[in-house]
Amino acid sequence: MVFDQQSAYESQWAAITSIAGKFGMTAETLRSWVRQAETDAGKRPGVTSAEAERIKELERENRELRRANEILKAASAFFARELDPHPPRR
């Protein structure tokens, strides 16, 4: 809506503040949405919504893999102790 109505205002910020008031939100919220839409459209540099989602997925997968790796290390150490033919003498 901001992009459609922008020409009716003296600046993009004027359009944002007017439209934000009509929808009952802060101008800053709408401004951030406009900036993200510009980034997603390739009109502004930055991380697109799709890239941000992919990064989020990869970070979650990375956490899961690290956790699985820790579990496997602990299991490996446990079985190494259990299967050791020469237990430590006390």
PDB file of N, CA and C in Angstrom:
ATOM      1  N   MET A   1       0.820  -1.180   0.000  1.00  0.00           N
ATOM      2  CA  MET A   1       0.000   0.000   0.000  1.00  0.00           C
ATOM      3  C   MET A   1       0.870   1.252   0.000  1.00  0.00           C
ATOM      4  N   VAL A   2       1.956   1.218   0.751  1.00  0.00           N
ATOM      5  CA  VAL A   2       2.863   2.369   0.783  1.00  0.00           C
ATOM      6  C   VAL A   2       3.404   2.647  -0.611  1.00  0.00           C
ATOM      7  N   PHE A   3       3.792   1.592  -1.322  1.00  0.00           N
ATOM      8  CA  PHE A   3       4.351   1.778  -2.662  1.00  0.00           C
ATOM      9  C   PHE A   3       3.307   2.355  -3.623  1.00  0.00           C
ATOM     10  N   ASP A   4       2.059   1.930  -3.466  1.00  0.00           N
ATOM     11  CA  ASP A   4       0.992   2.423  -4.331  1.00  0.00           C
ATOM     12  C   ASP A   4       0.647   3.880  -4.044  1.00  0.00           C
ATOM     13  N   GLN A   5       0.681   4.252  -2.775  1.00  0.00           N
ATOM     14  CA  GLN A   5       0.251   5.592  -2.361  1.00  0.00           C
ATOM     15  C   GLN A   5       1.385   6.600  -2.242  1.00  0.00           C
ATOM     16  N   GLN A   6       2.607   6.151  -2.380  1.00  0.00           N
ATOM     17  CA  GLN A   6       3.773   7.002  -2.144  1.00  0.00           C
ATOM     18  C   GLN A   6       3.769   8.272  -2.994  1.00  0.00           C
ATOM     19  N   SER A   7       3.315   8.185  -4.229  1.00  0.00           N
ATOM     20  CA  SER A   7       3.338   9.360  -5.108  1.00  0.00           C
ATOM     21  C   SER A   7       2.379  10.459  -4.644  1.00  0.00           C
ATOM     22  N   ALA A   8       1.418  10.121  -3.815  1.00  0.00           N
ATOM     23  CA  ALA A   8       0.464  11.105  -3.324  1.00  0.00           C
ATOM     24  C   ALA A   8       1.026  11.902  -2.145  1.00  0.00           C
ATOM     25  N   TYR A   9       2.183  11.535  -1.661  1.00  0.00           N
ATOM     26  CA  TYR A   9       2.801  12.200  -0.508  1.00  0.00           C
ATOM     27  C   TYR A   9       4.130  12.810  -0.928  1.00  0.00           C
ATOM     28  N   GLU A  10       4.614  13.723  -0.105  1.00  0.00           N
ATOM     29  CA  GLU A  10       5.872  14.408  -0.434  1.00  0.00           C
ATOM     30  C   GLU A  10       7.098  13.516  -0.267  1.00  0.00           C
ATOM     31  N   SER A  11       6.964  12.465   0.543  1.00  0.00           N
ATOM     32  CA  SER A  11       8.079  11.536   0.734  1.00  0.00           C
ATOM     33  C   SER A  11       7.526  10.168   1.140  1.00  0.00           C
ATOM     34  N   GLN A  12       8.397   9.184   1.083  1.00  0.00           N
ATOM     35  CA  GLN A  12       7.987   7.843   1.508  1.00  0.00           C
ATOM     36  C   GLN A  12       7.656   7.846   2.998  1.00  0.00           C
ATOM     37  N   TRP A  13       8.422   8.590   3.777  1.00  0.00           N
ATOM     38  CA  TRP A  13       8.175   8.654   5.219  1.00  0.00           C
ATOM     39  C   TRP A  13       6.809   9.258   5.509  1.00  0.00           C
ATOM     40  N   ALA A  14       6.417  10.296   4.754  1.00  0.00           N
ATOM     41  CA  ALA A  14       5.096  10.901   4.935  1.00  0.00           C
ATOM     42  C   ALA A  14       4.003   9.877   4.633  1.00  0.00           C
ATOM     43  N   ALA A  15       4.195   9.082   3.582  1.00  0.00           N
ATOM     44  CA  ALA A  15       3.232   8.035   3.252  1.00  0.00           C
ATOM     45  C   ALA A  15       3.175   6.994   4.368  1.00  0.00           C
ATOM     46  N   ILE A  16       4.328   6.616   4.866  1.00  0.00           N
ATOM     47  CA  ILE A  16       4.389   5.612   5.935  1.00  0.00           C
ATOM     48  C   ILE A  16       3.673   6.096   7.180  1.00  0.00           C
ATOM     49  N   THR A  17       3.950   7.313   7.617  1.00  0.00           N
ATOM     50  CA  THR A  17       3.317   7.814   8.847  1.00  0.00           C
ATOM     51  C   THR A  17       1.805   7.932   8.681  1.00  0.00           C
ATOM     52  N   SER A  18       1.354   8.376   7.524  1.00  0.00           N
ATOM     53  CA  SER A  18      -0.083   8.506   7.290  1.00  0.00           C
ATOM     54  C   SER A  18      -0.762   7.140   7.269  1.00  0.00           C
ATOM     55  N   ILE A  19      -0.207   6.222   6.538  1.00  0.00           N
ATOM     56  CA  ILE A  19      -0.810   4.890   6.398  1.00  0.00           C
ATOM     57  C   ILE A  19      -0.743   4.121   7.715  1.00  0.00           C
ATOM     58  N   ALA A  20       0.358   4.248   8.443  1.00  0.00           N
ATOM     59  CA  ALA A  20       0.490   3.564   9.737  1.00  0.00           C
ATOM     60  C   ALA A  20      -0.603   4.017  10.693  1.00  0.00           C
ATOM     61  N   GLY A  21      -0.874   5.313  10.709  1.00  0.00           N
ATOM     62  CA  GLY A  21      -1.929   5.835  11.578  1.00  0.00           C
ATOM     63  C   GLY A  21      -3.295   5.265  11.223  1.00  0.00           C
ATOM     64  N   LYS A  22      -3.553   5.080   9.944  1.00  0.00           N
ATOM     65  CA  LYS A  22      -4.843   4.536   9.503  1.00  0.00           C
ATOM     66  C   LYS A  22      -5.009   3.077   9.907  1.00  0.00           C
ATOM     67  N   PHE A  23      -3.910   2.357  10.030  1.00  0.00           N
ATOM     68  CA  PHE A  23      -3.973   0.946  10.401  1.00  0.00           C
ATOM     69  C   PHE A  23      -3.727   0.714  11.889  1.00  0.00           C
ATOM     70  N   GLY A  24      -3.478   1.794  12.630  1.00  0.00           N
ATOM     71  CA  GLY A  24      -3.303   1.663  14.076  1.00  0.00           C
ATOM     72  C   GLY A  24      -1.992   1.023  14.482  1.00  0.00           C
ATOM     73  N   MET A  25      -0.947   1.291  13.737  1.00  0.00           N
ATOM     74  CA  MET A  25       0.376   0.764  14.086  1.00  0.00           C
ATOM     75  C   MET A  25       1.365   1.914  14.123  1.00  0.00           C
ATOM     76  N   THR A  26       2.530   1.649  14.665  1.00  0.00           N
ATOM     77  CA  THR A  26       3.537   2.704  14.688  1.00  0.00           C
ATOM     78  C   THR A  26       4.158   2.847  13.302  1.00  0.00           C
ATOM     79  N   ALA A  27       4.600   4.035  13.018  1.00  0.00           N
ATOM     80  CA  ALA A  27       5.242   4.298  11.734  1.00  0.00           C
ATOM     81  C   ALA A  27       6.527   3.476  11.600  1.00  0.00           C
ATOM     82  N   GLU A  28       7.211   3.270  12.711  1.00  0.00           N
ATOM     83  CA  GLU A  28       8.465   2.506  12.672  1.00  0.00           C
ATOM     84  C   GLU A  28       8.215   1.051  12.277  1.00  0.00           C
ATOM     85  N   THR A  29       7.125   0.469  12.760  1.00  0.00           N
ATOM     86  CA  THR A  29       6.774  -0.907  12.377  1.00  0.00           C
ATOM     87  C   THR A  29       6.540  -0.991  10.881  1.00  0.00           C
ATOM     88  N   LEU A  30       5.733  -0.073  10.358  1.00  0.00           N
ATOM     89  CA  LEU A  30       5.447  -0.091   8.924  1.00  0.00           C
ATOM     90  C   LEU A  30       6.704   0.209   8.119  1.00  0.00           C
ATOM     91  N   ARG A  31       7.550   1.112   8.604  1.00  0.00           N
ATOM     92  CA  ARG A  31       8.799   1.434   7.905  1.00  0.00           C
ATOM     93  C   ARG A  31       9.676   0.203   7.786  1.00  0.00           C
ATOM     94  N   SER A  32       9.776  -0.573   8.857  1.00  0.00           N
ATOM     95  CA  SER A  32      10.616  -1.785   8.806  1.00  0.00           C
ATOM     96  C   SER A  32      10.036  -2.794   7.826  1.00  0.00           C
ATOM     97  N   TRP A  33       8.717  -2.894   7.740  1.00  0.00           N
ATOM     98  CA  TRP A  33       8.093  -3.800   6.772  1.00  0.00           C
ATOM     99  C   TRP A  33       8.372  -3.337   5.346  1.00  0.00           C
ATOM    100  N   VAL A  34       8.310  -2.025   5.137  1.00  0.00           N
ATOM    101  CA  VAL A  34       8.578  -1.465   3.803  1.00  0.00           C
ATOM    102  C   VAL A  34      10.024  -1.744   3.415  1.00  0.00           C
ATOM    103  N   ARG A  35      10.962  -1.528   4.352  1.00  0.00           N
ATOM    104  CA  ARG A  35      12.380  -1.783   4.061  1.00  0.00           C
ATOM    105  C   ARG A  35      12.607  -3.255   3.731  1.00  0.00           C
ATOM    106  N   GLN A  36      11.953  -4.159   4.465  1.00  0.00           N
ATOM    107  CA  GLN A  36      12.115  -5.588   4.189  1.00  0.00           C
ATOM    108  C   GLN A  36      11.522  -5.936   2.833  1.00  0.00           C
ATOM    109  N   ALA A  37      10.389  -5.346   2.495  1.00  0.00           N
ATOM    110  CA  ALA A  37       9.783  -5.596   1.177  1.00  0.00           C
ATOM    111  C   ALA A  37      10.705  -5.099   0.069  1.00  0.00           C
ATOM    112  N   GLU A  38      11.364  -3.960   0.281  1.00  0.00           N
ATOM    113  CA  GLU A  38      12.316  -3.448  -0.702  1.00  0.00           C
ATOM    114  C   GLU A  38      13.515  -4.390  -0.838  1.00  0.00           C
ATOM    115  N   THR A  39      13.981  -4.925   0.280  1.00  0.00           N
ATOM    116  CA  THR A  39      15.097  -5.878   0.250  1.00  0.00           C
ATOM    117  C   THR A  39      14.687  -7.155  -0.481  1.00  0.00           C
ATOM    118  N   ASP A  40      13.495  -7.660  -0.164  1.00  0.00           N
ATOM    119  CA  ASP A  40      13.000  -8.884  -0.814  1.00  0.00           C
ATOM    120  C   ASP A  40      12.842  -8.688  -2.322  1.00  0.00           C
ATOM    121  N   ALA A  41      12.508  -7.467  -2.723  1.00  0.00           N
ATOM    122  CA  ALA A  41      12.320  -7.173  -4.144  1.00  0.00           C
ATOM    123  C   ALA A  41      13.631  -6.867  -4.858  1.00  0.00           C
ATOM    124  N   GLY A  42      14.735  -6.799  -4.116  1.00  0.00           N
ATOM    125  CA  GLY A  42      16.035  -6.520  -4.706  1.00  0.00           C
ATOM    126  C   GLY A  42      16.302  -5.046  -4.915  1.00  0.00           C
ATOM    127  N   LYS A  43      15.480  -4.195  -4.338  1.00  0.00           N
ATOM    128  CA  LYS A  43      15.652  -2.748  -4.485  1.00  0.00           C
ATOM    129  C   LYS A  43      16.566  -2.160  -3.416  1.00  0.00           C
ATOM    130  N   ARG A  44      16.894  -2.958  -2.412  1.00  0.00           N
ATOM    131  CA  ARG A  44      17.716  -2.497  -1.290  1.00  0.00           C
ATOM    132  C   ARG A  44      18.621  -3.654  -0.880  1.00  0.00           C
ATOM    133  N   PRO A  45      19.879  -3.366  -0.535  1.00  0.00           N
ATOM    134  CA  PRO A  45      20.767  -4.463  -0.102  1.00  0.00           C
ATOM    135  C   PRO A  45      20.348  -5.000   1.265  1.00  0.00           C
ATOM    136  N   GLY A  46      20.696  -6.227   1.508  1.00  0.00           N
ATOM    137  CA  GLY A  46      20.403  -6.827   2.802  1.00  0.00           C
ATOM    138  C   GLY A  46      19.975  -8.268   2.647  1.00  0.00           C
ATOM    139  N   VAL A  47      19.608  -8.863   3.762  1.00  0.00           N
ATOM    140  CA  VAL A  47      19.208 -10.267   3.800  1.00  0.00           C
ATOM    141  C   VAL A  47      17.712 -10.353   3.513  1.00  0.00           C
ATOM    142  N   THR A  48      17.354 -11.119   2.488  1.00  0.00           N
ATOM    143  CA  THR A  48      15.944 -11.273   2.148  1.00  0.00           C
ATOM    144  C   THR A  48      15.244 -12.159   3.178  1.00  0.00           C
ATOM    145  N   SER A  49      13.931 -12.125   3.160  1.00  0.00           N
ATOM    146  CA  SER A  49      13.162 -12.959   4.087  1.00  0.00           C
ATOM    147  C   SER A  49      13.450 -14.439   3.858  1.00  0.00           C
ATOM    148  N   ALA A  50      13.579 -14.836   2.603  1.00  0.00           N
ATOM    149  CA  ALA A  50      13.868 -16.242   2.288  1.00  0.00           C
ATOM    150  C   ALA A  50      15.244 -16.641   2.806  1.00  0.00           C
ATOM    151  N   GLU A  51      16.231 -15.750   2.634  1.00  0.00           N
ATOM    152  CA  GLU A  51      17.577 -16.039   3.133  1.00  0.00           C
ATOM    153  C   GLU A  51      17.584 -16.113   4.657  1.00  0.00           C
ATOM    154  N   ALA A  52      16.857 -15.213   5.311  1.00  0.00           N
ATOM    155  CA  ALA A  52      16.794 -15.219   6.778  1.00  0.00           C
ATOM    156  C   ALA A  52      16.167 -16.504   7.284  1.00  0.00           C
ATOM    157  N   GLU A  53      15.116 -16.968   6.602  1.00  0.00           N
ATOM    158  CA  GLU A  53      14.469 -18.220   6.990  1.00  0.00           C
ATOM    159  C   GLU A  53      15.415 -19.402   6.800  1.00  0.00           C
ATOM    160  N   ARG A  54      16.154 -19.412   5.700  1.00  0.00           N
ATOM    161  CA  ARG A  54      17.104 -20.496   5.432  1.00  0.00           C
ATOM    162  C   ARG A  54      18.216 -20.503   6.485  1.00  0.00           C
ATOM    163  N   ILE A  55      18.715 -19.337   6.841  1.00  0.00           N
ATOM    164  CA  ILE A  55      19.745 -19.238   7.881  1.00  0.00           C
ATOM    165  C   ILE A  55      19.203 -19.777   9.199  1.00  0.00           C
ATOM    166  N   LYS A  56      17.966 -19.426   9.522  1.00  0.00           N
ATOM    167  CA  LYS A  56      17.337 -19.900  10.753  1.00  0.00           C
ATOM    168  C   LYS A  56      17.240 -21.430  10.750  1.00  0.00           C
ATOM    169  N   GLU A  57      16.831 -22.004   9.613  1.00  0.00           N
ATOM    170  CA  GLU A  57      16.739 -23.466   9.489  1.00  0.00           C
ATOM    171  C   GLU A  57      18.112 -24.121   9.652  1.00  0.00           C
ATOM    172  N   LEU A  58      19.131 -23.541   9.019  1.00  0.00           N
ATOM    173  CA  LEU A  58      20.477 -24.104   9.108  1.00  0.00           C
ATOM    174  C   LEU A  58      21.030 -24.013  10.526  1.00  0.00           C
ATOM    175  N   GLU A  59      20.741 -22.924  11.221  1.00  0.00           N
ATOM    176  CA  GLU A  59      21.191 -22.796  12.612  1.00  0.00           C
ATOM    177  C   GLU A  59      20.519 -23.834  13.503  1.00  0.00           C
ATOM    178  N   ARG A  60      19.219 -24.079  13.275  1.00  0.00           N
ATOM    179  CA  ARG A  60      18.509 -25.100  14.052  1.00  0.00           C
ATOM    180  C   ARG A  60      19.093 -26.478  13.763  1.00  0.00           C
ATOM    181  N   GLU A  61      19.325 -26.768  12.491  1.00  0.00           N
ATOM    182  CA  GLU A  61      19.912 -28.046  12.113  1.00  0.00           C
ATOM    183  C   GLU A  61      21.304 -28.201  12.726  1.00  0.00           C
ATOM    184  N   ASN A  62      22.076 -27.130  12.722  1.00  0.00           N
ATOM    185  CA  ASN A  62      23.417 -27.153  13.301  1.00  0.00           C
ATOM    186  C   ASN A  62      23.349 -27.476  14.801  1.00  0.00           C
ATOM    187  N   ARG A  63      22.403 -26.842  15.525  1.00  0.00           N
ATOM    188  CA  ARG A  63      22.232 -27.133  16.962  1.00  0.00           C
ATOM    189  C   ARG A  63      21.891 -28.602  17.178  1.00  0.00           C
ATOM    190  N   GLU A  64      20.974 -29.135  16.349  1.00  0.00           N
ATOM    191  CA  GLU A  64      20.578 -30.536  16.484  1.00  0.00           C
ATOM    192  C   GLU A  64      21.758 -31.471  16.216  1.00  0.00           C
ATOM    193  N   LEU A  65      22.547 -31.161  15.214  1.00  0.00           N
ATOM    194  CA  LEU A  65      23.701 -32.000  14.889  1.00  0.00           C
ATOM    195  C   LEU A  65      24.759 -31.934  15.990  1.00  0.00           C
ATOM    196  N   ARG A  66      24.970 -30.765  16.551  1.00  0.00           N
ATOM    197  CA  ARG A  66      25.928 -30.647  17.667  1.00  0.00           C
ATOM    198  C   ARG A  66      25.459 -31.468  18.864  1.00  0.00           C
ATOM    199  N   ARG A  67      24.160 -31.412  19.140  1.00  0.00           N
ATOM    200  CA  ARG A  67      23.613 -32.188  20.259  1.00  0.00           C
ATOM    201  C   ARG A  67      23.773 -33.684  19.999  1.00  0.00           C
ATOM    202  N   ALA A  68      23.466 -34.109  18.790  1.00  0.00           N
ATOM    203  CA  ALA A  68      23.621 -35.526  18.440  1.00  0.00           C
ATOM    204  C   ALA A  68      25.077 -35.951  18.549  1.00  0.00           C
ATOM    205  N   ASN A  69      25.982 -35.080  18.142  1.00  0.00           N
ATOM    206  CA  ASN A  69      27.412 -35.371  18.227  1.00  0.00           C
ATOM    207  C   ASN A  69      27.843 -35.539  19.690  1.00  0.00           C
ATOM    208  N   GLU A  70      27.346 -34.679  20.567  1.00  0.00           N
ATOM    209  CA  GLU A  70      27.682 -34.798  21.994  1.00  0.00           C
ATOM    210  C   GLU A  70      27.150 -36.107  22.568  1.00  0.00           C
ATOM    211  N   ILE A  71      25.947 -36.488  22.166  1.00  0.00           N
ATOM    212  CA  ILE A  71      25.371 -37.755  22.640  1.00  0.00           C
ATOM    213  C   ILE A  71      26.217 -38.925  22.160  1.00  0.00           C
ATOM    214  N   LEU A  72      26.627 -38.890  20.903  1.00  0.00           N
ATOM    215  CA  LEU A  72      27.457 -39.973  20.364  1.00  0.00           C
ATOM    216  C   LEU A  72      28.819 -40.028  21.051  1.00  0.00           C
ATOM    217  N   LYS A  73      29.403 -38.878  21.355  1.00  0.00           N
ATOM    218  CA  LYS A  73      30.682 -38.865  22.079  1.00  0.00           C
ATOM    219  C   LYS A  73      30.529 -39.484  23.461  1.00  0.00           C
ATOM    220  N   ALA A  74      29.444 -39.119  24.154  1.00  0.00           N
ATOM    221  CA  ALA A  74      29.214 -39.669  25.493  1.00  0.00           C
ATOM    222  C   ALA A  74      28.986 -41.179  25.420  1.00  0.00           C
ATOM    223  N   ALA A  75      28.226 -41.623  24.432  1.00  0.00           N
ATOM    224  CA  ALA A  75      27.970 -43.062  24.279  1.00  0.00           C
ATOM    225  C   ALA A  75      29.260 -43.796  23.951  1.00  0.00           C
ATOM    226  N   SER A  76      30.069 -43.207  23.114  1.00  0.00           N
ATOM    227  CA  SER A  76      31.341 -43.820  22.742  1.00  0.00           C
ATOM    228  C   SER A  76      32.235 -43.966  23.966  1.00  0.00           C
ATOM    229  N   ALA A  77      32.320 -42.933  24.782  1.00  0.00           N
ATOM    230  CA  ALA A  77      33.147 -42.995  25.995  1.00  0.00           C
ATOM    231  C   ALA A  77      32.599 -44.046  26.954  1.00  0.00           C
ATOM    232  N   PHE A  78      31.273 -44.106  27.092  1.00  0.00           N
ATOM    233  CA  PHE A  78      30.658 -45.086  27.979  1.00  0.00           C
ATOM    234  C   PHE A  78      30.995 -46.500  27.537  1.00  0.00           C
ATOM    235  N   PHE A  79      30.784 -46.806  26.258  1.00  0.00           N
ATOM    236  CA  PHE A  79      31.046 -48.152  25.774  1.00  0.00           C
ATOM    237  C   PHE A  79      32.531 -48.487  25.776  1.00  0.00           C
ATOM    238  N   ALA A  80      33.386 -47.508  25.592  1.00  0.00           N
ATOM    239  CA  ALA A  80      34.827 -47.756  25.666  1.00  0.00           C
ATOM    240  C   ALA A  80      35.196 -48.198  27.074  1.00  0.00           C
ATOM    241  N   ARG A  81      34.585 -47.551  28.077  1.00  0.00           N
ATOM    242  CA  ARG A  81      34.859 -47.949  29.479  1.00  0.00           C
ATOM    243  C   ARG A  81      34.266 -49.327  29.771  1.00  0.00           C
ATOM    244  N   GLU A  82      33.052 -49.575  29.303  1.00  0.00           N
ATOM    245  CA  GLU A  82      32.375 -50.840  29.579  1.00  0.00           C
ATOM    246  C   GLU A  82      33.060 -52.025  28.900  1.00  0.00           C
ATOM    247  N   LEU A  83      33.608 -51.820  27.740  1.00  0.00           N
ATOM    248  CA  LEU A  83      34.188 -52.917  26.972  1.00  0.00           C
ATOM    249  C   LEU A  83      35.698 -53.024  27.135  1.00  0.00           C
ATOM    250  N   ASP A  84      36.270 -52.195  27.977  1.00  0.00           N
ATOM    251  CA  ASP A  84      37.727 -52.220  28.190  1.00  0.00           C
ATOM    252  C   ASP A  84      38.104 -53.535  28.859  1.00  0.00           C
ATOM    253  N   PRO A  85      38.968 -54.348  28.221  1.00  0.00           N
ATOM    254  CA  PRO A  85      39.335 -55.641  28.822  1.00  0.00           C
ATOM    255  C   PRO A  85      40.264 -55.469  30.023  1.00  0.00           C
ATOM    256  N   HIS A  86      40.845 -54.312  30.177  1.00  0.00           N
ATOM    257  CA  HIS A  86      41.760 -54.062  31.309  1.00  0.00           C
ATOM    258  C   HIS A  86      41.255 -52.884  32.122  1.00  0.00           C
ATOM    259  N   PRO A  87      40.296 -53.139  33.001  1.00  0.00           N
ATOM    260  CA  PRO A  87      39.776 -52.025  33.817  1.00  0.00           C
ATOM    261  C   PRO A  87      40.877 -51.486  34.732  1.00  0.00           C
ATOM    262  N   PRO A  88      40.807 -50.219  35.106  1.00  0.00           N
ATOM    263  CA  PRO A  88      41.818 -49.653  35.982  1.00  0.00           C
ATOM    264  C   PRO A  88      41.810 -50.334  37.344  1.00  0.00           C
ATOM    265  N   ARG A  89      43.001 -50.532  37.918  1.00  0.00           N
ATOM    266  CA  ARG A  89      43.120 -51.179  39.234  1.00  0.00           C
ATOM    267  C   ARG A  89      43.001 -50.111  40.323  1.00  0.00           C
ATOM    268  N   ARG A  90      42.438 -50.526  41.394  1.00  0.00           N
ATOM    269  CA  ARG A  90      42.279 -49.593  42.513  1.00  0.00           C
ATOM    270  C   ARG A  90      43.073 -49.999  43.689  1.00  0.00           C
TER     271      ARG A  90
END
